[in-house]
Amino acid sequence: MTLEQSGKLLRKKLTPYFATKKAVDMLNFKDLFRHALKHSILQEEEVERWFKYKNNRNSNTHDYGKSFAKETLTLMDDFIKDAYHIKDVIKNA
């Protein structure tokens, strides 16, 4: 849920950089983060981690085994830090 909400809130933060709200609404999750990097809202390392989180979440629909759980747990500490950071970025809009 946090992953999806982060994308939706980032969309609102990016809206001023586009000619229309419809243009930003058409962006997929990864494109939102690419534009956040382009406009210096997030750093490259953060964006790469958000891509890992999204890929991990997408893998969740196909794999429920131990390897998936281990991979997810290795991402948790950074995910929590990045979630708090994106909250601050959006809050200070």
N, C-alpha and C. Protein backbone atom coordinates (compact mmCIF):
# COMPACT_ATOMS: atom_id res chain seq x y z
N MET A 1 0.82 -1.18 0.00
CA MET A 1 0.00 0.00 0.00
C MET A 1 0.88 1.27 0.00
N THR A 2 1.93 1.27 0.80
CA THR A 2 2.82 2.42 0.86
C THR A 2 3.47 2.67 -0.49
N LEU A 3 3.83 1.62 -1.18
CA LEU A 3 4.45 1.74 -2.49
C LEU A 3 3.52 2.46 -3.46
N GLU A 4 2.29 2.01 -3.53
CA GLU A 4 1.33 2.61 -4.46
C GLU A 4 0.98 4.04 -4.08
N GLN A 5 0.80 4.29 -2.80
CA GLN A 5 0.47 5.64 -2.35
C GLN A 5 1.63 6.60 -2.60
N SER A 6 2.84 6.12 -2.48
CA SER A 6 4.00 6.97 -2.75
C SER A 6 3.97 7.45 -4.20
N GLY A 7 3.66 6.54 -5.10
CA GLY A 7 3.55 6.92 -6.51
C GLY A 7 2.45 7.93 -6.75
N LYS A 8 1.30 7.72 -6.13
CA LYS A 8 0.18 8.64 -6.30
C LYS A 8 0.50 10.03 -5.75
N LEU A 9 1.14 10.08 -4.60
CA LEU A 9 1.50 11.38 -4.02
C LEU A 9 2.60 12.06 -4.81
N LEU A 10 3.54 11.28 -5.32
CA LEU A 10 4.59 11.85 -6.16
C LEU A 10 3.99 12.46 -7.42
N ARG A 11 2.95 11.84 -7.94
CA ARG A 11 2.24 12.36 -9.11
C ARG A 11 1.78 13.80 -8.85
N LYS A 12 1.23 14.03 -7.65
CA LYS A 12 0.76 15.38 -7.29
C LYS A 12 1.93 16.36 -7.22
N LYS A 13 3.04 15.90 -6.71
CA LYS A 13 4.23 16.75 -6.60
C LYS A 13 4.76 17.12 -7.99
N LEU A 14 4.61 16.23 -8.96
CA LEU A 14 5.12 16.47 -10.30
C LEU A 14 4.19 17.28 -11.19
N THR A 15 2.94 17.40 -10.82
CA THR A 15 1.95 18.07 -11.67
C THR A 15 2.39 19.45 -12.16
N PRO A 16 3.01 20.29 -11.33
CA PRO A 16 3.42 21.61 -11.82
C PRO A 16 4.46 21.58 -12.95
N TYR A 17 5.14 20.46 -13.14
CA TYR A 17 6.16 20.35 -14.17
C TYR A 17 5.59 19.97 -15.54
N PHE A 18 4.28 19.76 -15.61
CA PHE A 18 3.65 19.33 -16.85
C PHE A 18 2.62 20.36 -17.30
N ALA A 19 2.36 20.37 -18.60
CA ALA A 19 1.42 21.33 -19.16
C ALA A 19 0.00 21.07 -18.67
N THR A 20 -0.34 19.80 -18.49
CA THR A 20 -1.68 19.45 -18.03
C THR A 20 -1.61 18.34 -16.98
N LYS A 21 -2.64 18.26 -16.16
CA LYS A 21 -2.73 17.19 -15.17
C LYS A 21 -2.86 15.85 -15.89
N LYS A 22 -3.54 15.84 -17.02
CA LYS A 22 -3.71 14.60 -17.79
C LYS A 22 -2.36 14.02 -18.21
N ALA A 23 -1.43 14.89 -18.56
CA ALA A 23 -0.10 14.42 -18.99
C ALA A 23 0.60 13.67 -17.87
N VAL A 24 0.54 14.21 -16.66
CA VAL A 24 1.19 13.52 -15.53
C VAL A 24 0.40 12.28 -15.14
N ASP A 25 -0.91 12.31 -15.29
CA ASP A 25 -1.74 11.15 -14.96
C ASP A 25 -1.45 9.96 -15.86
N MET A 26 -0.91 10.22 -17.04
CA MET A 26 -0.62 9.13 -17.98
C MET A 26 0.69 8.42 -17.68
N LEU A 27 1.50 8.96 -16.78
CA LEU A 27 2.79 8.35 -16.47
C LEU A 27 2.61 7.08 -15.64
N ASN A 28 3.40 6.06 -15.96
CA ASN A 28 3.38 4.86 -15.13
C ASN A 28 4.30 5.09 -13.92
N PHE A 29 4.31 4.14 -13.02
CA PHE A 29 5.04 4.26 -11.77
C PHE A 29 6.51 4.63 -11.99
N LYS A 30 7.18 3.88 -12.83
CA LYS A 30 8.62 4.13 -13.04
C LYS A 30 8.88 5.46 -13.71
N ASP A 31 8.00 5.86 -14.63
CA ASP A 31 8.17 7.16 -15.26
C ASP A 31 7.99 8.30 -14.27
N LEU A 32 7.12 8.14 -13.29
CA LEU A 32 6.97 9.14 -12.24
C LEU A 32 8.30 9.37 -11.54
N PHE A 33 8.96 8.28 -11.20
CA PHE A 33 10.23 8.38 -10.49
C PHE A 33 11.35 8.90 -11.39
N ARG A 34 11.28 8.57 -12.68
CA ARG A 34 12.27 9.13 -13.62
C ARG A 34 12.13 10.65 -13.69
N HIS A 35 10.90 11.13 -13.72
CA HIS A 35 10.67 12.57 -13.76
C HIS A 35 11.05 13.23 -12.43
N ALA A 36 10.85 12.52 -11.33
CA ALA A 36 11.27 13.05 -10.03
C ALA A 36 12.79 13.25 -10.02
N LEU A 37 13.51 12.33 -10.63
CA LEU A 37 14.96 12.47 -10.76
C LEU A 37 15.29 13.64 -11.69
N LYS A 38 14.63 13.70 -12.81
CA LYS A 38 14.87 14.76 -13.79
C LYS A 38 14.70 16.15 -13.17
N HIS A 39 13.73 16.29 -12.29
CA HIS A 39 13.43 17.58 -11.68
C HIS A 39 14.06 17.74 -10.29
N SER A 40 15.02 16.87 -9.99
CA SER A 40 15.79 16.92 -8.74
C SER A 40 14.92 16.83 -7.49
N ILE A 41 13.84 16.12 -7.59
CA ILE A 41 12.98 15.87 -6.43
C ILE A 41 13.54 14.70 -5.62
N LEU A 42 14.06 13.71 -6.34
CA LEU A 42 14.72 12.56 -5.73
C LEU A 42 16.10 12.38 -6.37
N GLN A 43 16.97 11.67 -5.67
CA GLN A 43 18.30 11.36 -6.17
C GLN A 43 18.29 10.04 -6.95
N GLU A 44 19.29 9.85 -7.79
CA GLU A 44 19.36 8.66 -8.64
C GLU A 44 19.33 7.36 -7.83
N GLU A 45 20.07 7.32 -6.72
CA GLU A 45 20.13 6.10 -5.91
C GLU A 45 18.76 5.76 -5.33
N GLU A 46 18.02 6.79 -4.93
CA GLU A 46 16.67 6.57 -4.41
C GLU A 46 15.76 6.01 -5.48
N VAL A 47 15.82 6.60 -6.66
CA VAL A 47 14.97 6.16 -7.75
C VAL A 47 15.26 4.70 -8.09
N GLU A 48 16.52 4.34 -8.13
CA GLU A 48 16.89 2.95 -8.40
C GLU A 48 16.32 2.01 -7.34
N ARG A 49 16.35 2.44 -6.08
CA ARG A 49 15.77 1.61 -5.02
C ARG A 49 14.25 1.49 -5.19
N TRP A 50 13.58 2.60 -5.55
CA TRP A 50 12.13 2.53 -5.76
C TRP A 50 11.80 1.57 -6.89
N PHE A 51 12.64 1.50 -7.92
CA PHE A 51 12.45 0.52 -8.99
C PHE A 51 12.57 -0.90 -8.44
N LYS A 52 13.53 -1.12 -7.55
CA LYS A 52 13.68 -2.44 -6.92
C LYS A 52 12.44 -2.80 -6.11
N TYR A 53 11.91 -1.81 -5.38
CA TYR A 53 10.71 -2.08 -4.57
C TYR A 53 9.54 -2.45 -5.47
N LYS A 54 9.39 -1.73 -6.57
CA LYS A 54 8.30 -2.01 -7.50
C LYS A 54 8.48 -3.39 -8.14
N ASN A 55 9.70 -3.70 -8.56
CA ASN A 55 9.96 -5.01 -9.15
C ASN A 55 9.69 -6.12 -8.14
N ASN A 56 10.08 -5.89 -6.89
CA ASN A 56 9.85 -6.86 -5.84
C ASN A 56 8.35 -7.07 -5.63
N ARG A 57 7.61 -5.99 -5.61
CA ARG A 57 6.16 -6.06 -5.43
C ARG A 57 5.52 -6.82 -6.59
N ASN A 58 5.99 -6.57 -7.81
CA ASN A 58 5.46 -7.27 -8.97
C ASN A 58 5.78 -8.76 -8.91
N SER A 59 6.94 -9.10 -8.37
CA SER A 59 7.31 -10.52 -8.22
C SER A 59 6.41 -11.20 -7.20
N ASN A 60 5.91 -10.44 -6.27
CA ASN A 60 5.04 -10.95 -5.22
C ASN A 60 3.84 -11.68 -5.80
N THR A 61 3.36 -11.25 -6.95
CA THR A 61 2.17 -11.87 -7.54
C THR A 61 2.47 -13.25 -8.10
N HIS A 62 3.75 -13.59 -8.24
CA HIS A 62 4.13 -14.87 -8.84
C HIS A 62 4.90 -15.79 -7.90
N ASP A 63 5.46 -15.25 -6.84
CA ASP A 63 6.35 -16.03 -5.99
C ASP A 63 6.06 -15.76 -4.52
N TYR A 64 5.70 -16.80 -3.80
CA TYR A 64 5.44 -16.65 -2.38
C TYR A 64 6.42 -17.48 -1.54
N GLY A 65 7.50 -17.93 -2.14
CA GLY A 65 8.44 -18.82 -1.47
C GLY A 65 9.41 -18.10 -0.55
N LYS A 66 10.30 -18.89 0.02
CA LYS A 66 11.29 -18.37 0.96
C LYS A 66 12.22 -17.36 0.31
N SER A 67 12.61 -17.60 -0.94
CA SER A 67 13.55 -16.68 -1.59
C SER A 67 12.91 -15.30 -1.75
N PHE A 68 11.63 -15.27 -2.07
CA PHE A 68 10.93 -13.98 -2.18
C PHE A 68 10.90 -13.29 -0.82
N ALA A 69 10.59 -14.03 0.21
CA ALA A 69 10.53 -13.45 1.56
C ALA A 69 11.89 -12.89 1.97
N LYS A 70 12.95 -13.64 1.70
CA LYS A 70 14.30 -13.17 2.05
C LYS A 70 14.66 -11.91 1.28
N GLU A 71 14.35 -11.89 -0.01
CA GLU A 71 14.65 -10.71 -0.82
C GLU A 71 13.88 -9.49 -0.30
N THR A 72 12.62 -9.69 0.02
CA THR A 72 11.79 -8.60 0.53
C THR A 72 12.34 -8.07 1.84
N LEU A 73 12.76 -8.96 2.72
CA LEU A 73 13.30 -8.53 4.00
C LEU A 73 14.59 -7.72 3.84
N THR A 74 15.39 -8.05 2.83
CA THR A 74 16.62 -7.29 2.63
C THR A 74 16.33 -5.86 2.15
N LEU A 75 15.17 -5.65 1.57
CA LEU A 75 14.79 -4.32 1.08
C LEU A 75 14.10 -3.45 2.13
N MET A 76 13.64 -4.05 3.20
CA MET A 76 12.77 -3.36 4.16
C MET A 76 13.40 -2.13 4.81
N ASP A 77 14.62 -2.22 5.28
CA ASP A 77 15.23 -1.07 5.97
C ASP A 77 15.32 0.15 5.05
N ASP A 78 15.81 -0.07 3.83
CA ASP A 78 15.89 1.04 2.87
C ASP A 78 14.51 1.54 2.49
N PHE A 79 13.57 0.62 2.33
CA PHE A 79 12.20 1.01 1.95
C PHE A 79 11.60 1.94 3.01
N ILE A 80 11.77 1.59 4.25
CA ILE A 80 11.23 2.43 5.33
C ILE A 80 11.86 3.82 5.30
N LYS A 81 13.18 3.87 5.14
CA LYS A 81 13.87 5.17 5.06
C LYS A 81 13.39 5.97 3.86
N ASP A 82 13.27 5.30 2.71
CA ASP A 82 12.84 5.99 1.50
C ASP A 82 11.39 6.44 1.59
N ALA A 83 10.56 5.66 2.25
CA ALA A 83 9.15 6.04 2.42
C ALA A 83 9.05 7.30 3.28
N TYR A 84 9.83 7.36 4.34
CA TYR A 84 9.83 8.57 5.17
C TYR A 84 10.38 9.77 4.39
N HIS A 85 11.40 9.54 3.58
CA HIS A 85 11.96 10.64 2.81
C HIS A 85 10.96 11.16 1.78
N ILE A 86 10.29 10.26 1.08
CA ILE A 86 9.33 10.73 0.09
C ILE A 86 8.15 11.44 0.77
N LYS A 87 7.82 11.02 1.98
CA LYS A 87 6.80 11.72 2.74
C LYS A 87 7.23 13.16 2.99
N ASP A 88 8.47 13.35 3.39
CA ASP A 88 8.99 14.69 3.63
C ASP A 88 9.03 15.52 2.35
N VAL A 89 9.42 14.90 1.25
CA VAL A 89 9.49 15.59 -0.04
C VAL A 89 8.09 16.08 -0.43
N ILE A 90 7.11 15.23 -0.27
CA ILE A 90 5.75 15.58 -0.67
C ILE A 90 5.14 16.58 0.31
N LYS A 91 5.41 16.39 1.57
CA LYS A 91 4.88 17.28 2.61
C LYS A 91 5.39 18.71 2.44
N ASN A 92 6.62 18.86 2.00
CA ASN A 92 7.23 20.17 1.83
C ASN A 92 6.99 20.74 0.44
N ALA A 93 5.91 20.32 -0.15
CA ALA A 93 5.58 20.79 -1.52
C ALA A 93 5.17 22.25 -1.50
